[in-house]
Amino acid sequence: MSPTLAAGAREMGVVLSEAQLSQVAHYAAALTKWNQRYNFISRQDIGRLIPRHLLDSLSGLPYLEHGPVLDVGTGPGLPGILLAIAQPEIEFVLCDRSERRIRFVQQMVQQLELSNVQAECADLADLQHDACFQTVVARALAPVEVLYAQVHKFLCAQGWLLVYAQTGGSDPEEASHPDAVTRYHSVSIPGLAQRHRLVQRFRRDPSLSGSG
């Protein structure tokens, strides 16, 4: 049985206020409605929207220490909308190449009054942004090696890429990279049988963050 959002979030150690839970509920209802026409996510996933998409998106919260955050390939706002609701003090930029998806994200930003979210319709290669990002997040988009090559230019000196992976099992061998270190985090999502993996690739060794 799929858990309620509040119960699932509590089980994951995520504390959401009543206002935040209301925002997520509004988003979920709108996504379900729009999905009937635009198929933003697989229709077979609608029945397990809470664990498969909403709670899974929130699983990245422990790895957002501060911002700003760039969500690449955000689609209909996953995971960016959920993370922005839970962390209103952090600035988010949500990027996707699809105008239709970004229109939906912009509508959600307006309806949910998310003053900490900016939506950008652009291919990643064409994205222009003056400031660097502490964290770049990507969900079900591409392997870490491919993504890191594309996004490391957006990262602050000690920033990191956080990739939501769908498979469990043992950690794969990663190709070495001269300026990066990779960490794996196995996460349990309430309502899903298989553990998911978050892959965190730092632009530099995080143990050196205190050095000059």
C-alpha atoms as a PDB file:
ATOM      1  CA  MET A   1       0.000   0.000   0.000  1.00  0.00           C
ATOM      2  CA  SER A   2       1.263   3.446  -0.882  1.00  0.00           C
ATOM      3  CA  PRO A   3       2.006   5.556   2.225  1.00  0.00           C
ATOM      4  CA  THR A   4       0.512   8.985   2.729  1.00  0.00           C
ATOM      5  CA  LEU A   5       2.895  11.808   1.942  1.00  0.00           C
ATOM      6  CA  ALA A   6       3.070  12.954   5.565  1.00  0.00           C
ATOM      7  CA  ALA A   7       3.706   9.446   6.909  1.00  0.00           C
ATOM      8  CA  GLY A   8       6.264   8.637   4.234  1.00  0.00           C
ATOM      9  CA  ALA A   9       8.113  11.904   4.758  1.00  0.00           C
ATOM     10  CA  ARG A  10       8.245  11.345   8.529  1.00  0.00           C
ATOM     11  CA  GLU A  11       9.628   7.847   7.986  1.00  0.00           C
ATOM     12  CA  MET A  12      12.386   9.375   5.869  1.00  0.00           C
ATOM     13  CA  GLY A  13      13.122  11.975   8.531  1.00  0.00           C
ATOM     14  CA  VAL A  14      11.708  14.837   6.460  1.00  0.00           C
ATOM     15  CA  VAL A  15       9.671  17.329   8.464  1.00  0.00           C
ATOM     16  CA  LEU A  16       7.063  19.248   6.470  1.00  0.00           C
ATOM     17  CA  SER A  17       4.684  21.826   7.893  1.00  0.00           C
ATOM     18  CA  GLU A  18       0.966  21.718   7.199  1.00  0.00           C
ATOM     19  CA  ALA A  19       1.449  24.537   4.690  1.00  0.00           C
ATOM     20  CA  GLN A  20       4.182  22.608   2.899  1.00  0.00           C
ATOM     21  CA  LEU A  21       2.088  19.431   2.839  1.00  0.00           C
ATOM     22  CA  SER A  22      -0.740  21.482   1.338  1.00  0.00           C
ATOM     23  CA  GLN A  23       1.605  22.792  -1.347  1.00  0.00           C
ATOM     24  CA  VAL A  24       2.732  19.283  -2.244  1.00  0.00           C
ATOM     25  CA  ALA A  25      -0.873  18.056  -2.349  1.00  0.00           C
ATOM     26  CA  HIS A  26      -1.777  20.901  -4.722  1.00  0.00           C
ATOM     27  CA  TYR A  27       1.212  20.053  -6.922  1.00  0.00           C
ATOM     28  CA  ALA A  28       0.331  16.343  -6.959  1.00  0.00           C
ATOM     29  CA  ALA A  29      -3.261  17.066  -7.968  1.00  0.00           C
ATOM     30  CA  ALA A  30      -2.170  19.403 -10.758  1.00  0.00           C
ATOM     31  CA  LEU A  31       0.446  16.941 -12.014  1.00  0.00           C
ATOM     32  CA  THR A  32      -2.126  14.138 -12.084  1.00  0.00           C
ATOM     33  CA  LYS A  33      -4.540  16.335 -14.051  1.00  0.00           C
ATOM     34  CA  TRP A  34      -1.990  17.596 -16.574  1.00  0.00           C
ATOM     35  CA  ASN A  35      -0.554  14.105 -16.967  1.00  0.00           C
ATOM     36  CA  GLN A  36      -3.815  12.851 -18.460  1.00  0.00           C
ATOM     37  CA  ARG A  37      -3.132  15.045 -21.475  1.00  0.00           C
ATOM     38  CA  TYR A  38       0.623  15.481 -21.648  1.00  0.00           C
ATOM     39  CA  ASN A  39       2.009  12.266 -20.127  1.00  0.00           C
ATOM     40  CA  PHE A  40       4.751  14.019 -18.158  1.00  0.00           C
ATOM     41  CA  ILE A  41       5.380  10.786 -16.260  1.00  0.00           C
ATOM     42  CA  SER A  42       4.460   7.211 -17.104  1.00  0.00           C
ATOM     43  CA  ARG A  43       0.735   6.711 -16.590  1.00  0.00           C
ATOM     44  CA  GLN A  44       1.404   3.448 -14.799  1.00  0.00           C
ATOM     45  CA  ASP A  45       3.222   5.488 -12.142  1.00  0.00           C
ATOM     46  CA  ILE A  46       0.232   7.681 -11.248  1.00  0.00           C
ATOM     47  CA  GLY A  47      -1.035   5.036  -8.826  1.00  0.00           C
ATOM     48  CA  ARG A  48       2.244   5.209  -6.944  1.00  0.00           C
ATOM     49  CA  LEU A  49       2.928   8.906  -7.444  1.00  0.00           C
ATOM     50  CA  ILE A  50       3.652   9.492  -3.762  1.00  0.00           C
ATOM     51  CA  PRO A  51       6.462   6.967  -3.258  1.00  0.00           C
ATOM     52  CA  ARG A  52       7.831   6.758  -6.792  1.00  0.00           C
ATOM     53  CA  HIS A  53       8.076  10.485  -7.496  1.00  0.00           C
ATOM     54  CA  LEU A  54       7.262  12.692  -4.503  1.00  0.00           C
ATOM     55  CA  LEU A  55       9.039  10.839  -1.698  1.00  0.00           C
ATOM     56  CA  ASP A  56      11.854   9.834  -4.021  1.00  0.00           C
ATOM     57  CA  SER A  57      12.380  13.511  -4.874  1.00  0.00           C
ATOM     58  CA  LEU A  58      12.499  14.415  -1.175  1.00  0.00           C
ATOM     59  CA  SER A  59      15.182  11.778  -0.535  1.00  0.00           C
ATOM     60  CA  GLY A  60      17.796  14.230  -1.788  1.00  0.00           C
ATOM     61  CA  LEU A  61      17.124  16.774   0.974  1.00  0.00           C
ATOM     62  CA  PRO A  62      19.955  15.661   3.313  1.00  0.00           C
ATOM     63  CA  TYR A  63      22.446  16.533   0.561  1.00  0.00           C
ATOM     64  CA  LEU A  64      21.308  20.123   0.038  1.00  0.00           C
ATOM     65  CA  GLU A  65      23.285  21.979   2.683  1.00  0.00           C
ATOM     66  CA  HIS A  66      22.830  25.354   1.041  1.00  0.00           C
ATOM     67  CA  GLY A  67      22.281  26.829  -2.376  1.00  0.00           C
ATOM     68  CA  PRO A  68      21.864  27.810  -5.010  1.00  0.00           C
ATOM     69  CA  VAL A  69      20.644  24.595  -6.664  1.00  0.00           C
ATOM     70  CA  LEU A  70      20.255  23.805 -10.371  1.00  0.00           C
ATOM     71  CA  ASP A  71      17.797  21.045 -11.363  1.00  0.00           C
ATOM     72  CA  VAL A  72      18.666  19.888 -14.889  1.00  0.00           C
ATOM     73  CA  GLY A  73      16.082  18.031 -16.937  1.00  0.00           C
ATOM     74  CA  THR A  74      13.487  18.859 -14.306  1.00  0.00           C
ATOM     75  CA  GLY A  75      10.557  17.683 -16.444  1.00  0.00           C
ATOM     76  CA  PRO A  76       7.379  18.691 -14.589  1.00  0.00           C
ATOM     77  CA  GLY A  77       9.449  19.842 -11.589  1.00  0.00           C
ATOM     78  CA  LEU A  78      10.883  16.613 -10.204  1.00  0.00           C
ATOM     79  CA  PRO A  79      12.775  16.792  -7.943  1.00  0.00           C
ATOM     80  CA  GLY A  80      13.098  20.594  -7.946  1.00  0.00           C
ATOM     81  CA  ILE A  81       9.572  21.603  -6.945  1.00  0.00           C
ATOM     82  CA  LEU A  82       9.530  19.179  -4.000  1.00  0.00           C
ATOM     83  CA  LEU A  83      12.975  20.271  -2.810  1.00  0.00           C
ATOM     84  CA  ALA A  84      12.061  23.959  -3.154  1.00  0.00           C
ATOM     85  CA  ILE A  85       8.896  23.488  -1.102  1.00  0.00           C
ATOM     86  CA  ALA A  86      10.856  21.734   1.637  1.00  0.00           C
ATOM     87  CA  GLN A  87      13.752  24.246   1.566  1.00  0.00           C
ATOM     88  CA  PRO A  88      12.216  27.705   0.992  1.00  0.00           C
ATOM     89  CA  GLU A  89      15.421  29.441   2.083  1.00  0.00           C
ATOM     90  CA  ILE A  90      17.407  27.924  -0.820  1.00  0.00           C
ATOM     91  CA  GLU A  91      17.304  29.388  -4.334  1.00  0.00           C
ATOM     92  CA  PHE A  92      16.512  26.948  -7.158  1.00  0.00           C
ATOM     93  CA  VAL A  93      16.786  27.132 -10.934  1.00  0.00           C
ATOM     94  CA  LEU A  94      14.741  24.461 -12.732  1.00  0.00           C
ATOM     95  CA  CYS A  95      15.816  23.832 -16.313  1.00  0.00           C
ATOM     96  CA  ASP A  96      14.247  21.748 -19.079  1.00  0.00           C
ATOM     97  CA  ARG A  97      14.293  21.901 -22.871  1.00  0.00           C
ATOM     98  CA  SER A  98      10.531  21.278 -23.158  1.00  0.00           C
ATOM     99  CA  GLU A  99       8.417  24.433 -23.311  1.00  0.00           C
ATOM    100  CA  ARG A 100       5.326  22.465 -22.272  1.00  0.00           C
ATOM    101  CA  ARG A 101       6.994  21.117 -19.140  1.00  0.00           C
ATOM    102  CA  ILE A 102       8.403  24.506 -18.212  1.00  0.00           C
ATOM    103  CA  ARG A 103       4.987  26.120 -18.662  1.00  0.00           C
ATOM    104  CA  PHE A 104       3.637  23.648 -16.142  1.00  0.00           C
ATOM    105  CA  VAL A 105       6.526  24.375 -13.762  1.00  0.00           C
ATOM    106  CA  GLN A 106       5.964  28.128 -14.117  1.00  0.00           C
ATOM    107  CA  GLN A 107       2.287  27.690 -13.348  1.00  0.00           C
ATOM    108  CA  MET A 108       3.127  25.667 -10.238  1.00  0.00           C
ATOM    109  CA  VAL A 109       5.665  28.278  -9.116  1.00  0.00           C
ATOM    110  CA  GLN A 110       2.972  30.951  -9.389  1.00  0.00           C
ATOM    111  CA  GLN A 111       0.183  28.942  -7.767  1.00  0.00           C
ATOM    112  CA  LEU A 112       2.356  27.674  -4.925  1.00  0.00           C
ATOM    113  CA  GLU A 113       3.971  31.121  -4.448  1.00  0.00           C
ATOM    114  CA  LEU A 114       7.477  29.690  -4.642  1.00  0.00           C
ATOM    115  CA  SER A 115       9.556  32.863  -4.565  1.00  0.00           C
ATOM    116  CA  ASN A 116      12.735  30.770  -4.407  1.00  0.00           C
ATOM    117  CA  VAL A 117      12.241  29.104  -7.832  1.00  0.00           C
ATOM    118  CA  GLN A 118      13.207  30.292 -11.307  1.00  0.00           C
ATOM    119  CA  ALA A 119      12.199  28.175 -14.332  1.00  0.00           C
ATOM    120  CA  GLU A 120      14.343  28.172 -17.471  1.00  0.00           C
ATOM    121  CA  CYS A 121      13.397  26.650 -20.831  1.00  0.00           C
ATOM    122  CA  ALA A 122      16.762  25.777 -22.375  1.00  0.00           C
ATOM    123  CA  ASP A 123      18.915  22.923 -23.493  1.00  0.00           C
ATOM    124  CA  LEU A 124      21.650  22.318 -20.950  1.00  0.00           C
ATOM    125  CA  ALA A 125      24.305  23.221 -23.512  1.00  0.00           C
ATOM    126  CA  ASP A 126      22.660  26.620 -24.044  1.00  0.00           C
ATOM    127  CA  LEU A 127      21.934  27.467 -20.412  1.00  0.00           C
ATOM    128  CA  GLN A 128      23.438  30.779 -19.354  1.00  0.00           C
ATOM    129  CA  HIS A 129      23.781  31.674 -15.680  1.00  0.00           C
ATOM    130  CA  ASP A 130      26.085  34.188 -14.045  1.00  0.00           C
ATOM    131  CA  ALA A 131      26.426  32.562 -10.616  1.00  0.00           C
ATOM    132  CA  CYS A 132      27.810  29.128  -9.823  1.00  0.00           C
ATOM    133  CA  PHE A 133      25.692  26.455  -8.130  1.00  0.00           C
ATOM    134  CA  GLN A 134      26.505  24.656  -4.926  1.00  0.00           C
ATOM    135  CA  THR A 135      24.469  21.644  -6.058  1.00  0.00           C
ATOM    136  CA  VAL A 136      23.287  20.390  -9.424  1.00  0.00           C
ATOM    137  CA  VAL A 137      20.569  17.730  -9.179  1.00  0.00           C
ATOM    138  CA  ALA A 138      19.344  15.373 -11.881  1.00  0.00           C
ATOM    139  CA  ARG A 139      16.734  12.647 -11.687  1.00  0.00           C
ATOM    140  CA  ALA A 140      16.447   9.774 -14.174  1.00  0.00           C
ATOM    141  CA  LEU A 141      18.340  11.764 -16.793  1.00  0.00           C
ATOM    142  CA  ALA A 142      21.740  10.232 -17.608  1.00  0.00           C
ATOM    143  CA  PRO A 143      24.659   8.363 -15.965  1.00  0.00           C
ATOM    144  CA  VAL A 144      26.893  10.261 -13.578  1.00  0.00           C
ATOM    145  CA  GLU A 145      29.890  10.286 -15.929  1.00  0.00           C
ATOM    146  CA  VAL A 146      27.863  11.804 -18.750  1.00  0.00           C
ATOM    147  CA  LEU A 147      26.164  14.381 -16.533  1.00  0.00           C
ATOM    148  CA  TYR A 148      29.297  15.446 -14.718  1.00  0.00           C
ATOM    149  CA  ALA A 149      31.023  16.227 -18.002  1.00  0.00           C
ATOM    150  CA  GLN A 150      28.083  18.453 -18.926  1.00  0.00           C
ATOM    151  CA  VAL A 151      27.452  20.258 -15.629  1.00  0.00           C
ATOM    152  CA  HIS A 152      30.767  20.608 -13.809  1.00  0.00           C
ATOM    153  CA  LYS A 153      31.202  24.068 -15.381  1.00  0.00           C
ATOM    154  CA  PHE A 154      28.125  25.229 -13.430  1.00  0.00           C
ATOM    155  CA  LEU A 155      29.437  24.018 -10.054  1.00  0.00           C
ATOM    156  CA  CYS A 156      31.043  26.199  -7.424  1.00  0.00           C
ATOM    157  CA  ALA A 157      34.616  25.274  -6.498  1.00  0.00           C
ATOM    158  CA  GLN A 158      33.480  22.812  -3.836  1.00  0.00           C
ATOM    159  CA  GLY A 159      30.042  22.039  -5.243  1.00  0.00           C
ATOM    160  CA  TRP A 160      28.608  18.681  -6.204  1.00  0.00           C
ATOM    161  CA  LEU A 161      26.383  16.865  -8.640  1.00  0.00           C
ATOM    162  CA  LEU A 162      23.611  14.778  -7.058  1.00  0.00           C
ATOM    163  CA  VAL A 163      22.140  12.108  -9.327  1.00  0.00           C
ATOM    164  CA  TYR A 164      19.016  10.149  -8.449  1.00  0.00           C
ATOM    165  CA  ALA A 165      19.672   6.609  -9.671  1.00  0.00           C
ATOM    166  CA  GLN A 166      16.897   4.026  -9.991  1.00  0.00           C
ATOM    167  CA  THR A 167      18.820   0.822  -9.431  1.00  0.00           C
ATOM    168  CA  GLY A 168      19.929  -0.839  -6.222  1.00  0.00           C
ATOM    169  CA  GLY A 169      22.635  -3.428  -5.718  1.00  0.00           C
ATOM    170  CA  SER A 170      26.337  -2.870  -5.221  1.00  0.00           C
ATOM    171  CA  ASP A 171      28.022   0.377  -6.170  1.00  0.00           C
ATOM    172  CA  PRO A 172      29.481   0.290  -9.687  1.00  0.00           C
ATOM    173  CA  GLU A 173      33.071   1.083 -10.465  1.00  0.00           C
ATOM    174  CA  GLU A 174      33.401   4.689 -11.527  1.00  0.00           C
ATOM    175  CA  ALA A 175      35.974   5.975 -13.957  1.00  0.00           C
ATOM    176  CA  SER A 176      38.514   8.186 -12.220  1.00  0.00           C
ATOM    177  CA  HIS A 177      38.247  11.922 -12.704  1.00  0.00           C
ATOM    178  CA  PRO A 178      41.079  14.367 -11.973  1.00  0.00           C
ATOM    179  CA  ASP A 179      39.026  16.891 -10.014  1.00  0.00           C
ATOM    180  CA  ALA A 180      36.163  14.839  -8.563  1.00  0.00           C
ATOM    181  CA  VAL A 181      35.329  12.264  -5.923  1.00  0.00           C
ATOM    182  CA  THR A 182      32.194  10.115  -5.878  1.00  0.00           C
ATOM    183  CA  ARG A 183      30.078   8.972  -2.948  1.00  0.00           C
ATOM    184  CA  TYR A 184      27.118   6.578  -3.006  1.00  0.00           C
ATOM    185  CA  HIS A 185      24.101   6.774  -0.714  1.00  0.00           C
ATOM    186  CA  SER A 186      21.581   3.944  -0.515  1.00  0.00           C
ATOM    187  CA  VAL A 187      18.114   5.227   0.397  1.00  0.00           C
ATOM    188  CA  SER A 188      14.920   3.435   1.355  1.00  0.00           C
ATOM    189  CA  ILE A 189      11.747   4.995  -0.043  1.00  0.00           C
ATOM    190  CA  PRO A 190       8.569   4.134   1.921  1.00  0.00           C
ATOM    191  CA  GLY A 191       6.191   2.255  -0.362  1.00  0.00           C
ATOM    192  CA  LEU A 192       8.886   1.006  -2.736  1.00  0.00           C
ATOM    193  CA  ALA A 193      10.418  -2.444  -2.405  1.00  0.00           C
ATOM    194  CA  GLN A 194      13.778  -1.641  -3.973  1.00  0.00           C
ATOM    195  CA  ARG A 195      16.235   0.734  -2.381  1.00  0.00           C
ATOM    196  CA  HIS A 196      17.319   3.638  -4.533  1.00  0.00           C
ATOM    197  CA  ARG A 197      20.759   5.139  -4.877  1.00  0.00           C
ATOM    198  CA  LEU A 198      21.863   8.747  -4.754  1.00  0.00           C
ATOM    199  CA  VAL A 199      25.224   9.357  -6.394  1.00  0.00           C
ATOM    200  CA  GLN A 200      27.057  12.428  -5.145  1.00  0.00           C
ATOM    201  CA  ARG A 201      30.017  13.597  -7.211  1.00  0.00           C
ATOM    202  CA  PHE A 202      32.023  16.417  -5.684  1.00  0.00           C
ATOM    203  CA  ARG A 203      33.954  18.820  -7.832  1.00  0.00           C
ATOM    204  CA  ARG A 204      36.826  18.346  -5.408  1.00  0.00           C
ATOM    205  CA  ASP A 205      37.540  16.186  -2.397  1.00  0.00           C
ATOM    206  CA  PRO A 206      35.103  17.351   0.328  1.00  0.00           C
ATOM    207  CA  SER A 207      37.713  16.564   2.992  1.00  0.00           C
ATOM    208  CA  LEU A 208      39.673  19.545   1.653  1.00  0.00           C
ATOM    209  CA  SER A 209      36.792  21.997   2.149  1.00  0.00           C
ATOM    210  CA  GLY A 210      38.457  23.563   5.159  1.00  0.00           C
ATOM    211  CA  SER A 211      41.812  24.104   3.528  1.00  0.00           C
ATOM    212  CA  GLY A 212      42.860  27.395   2.060  1.00  0.00           C
END
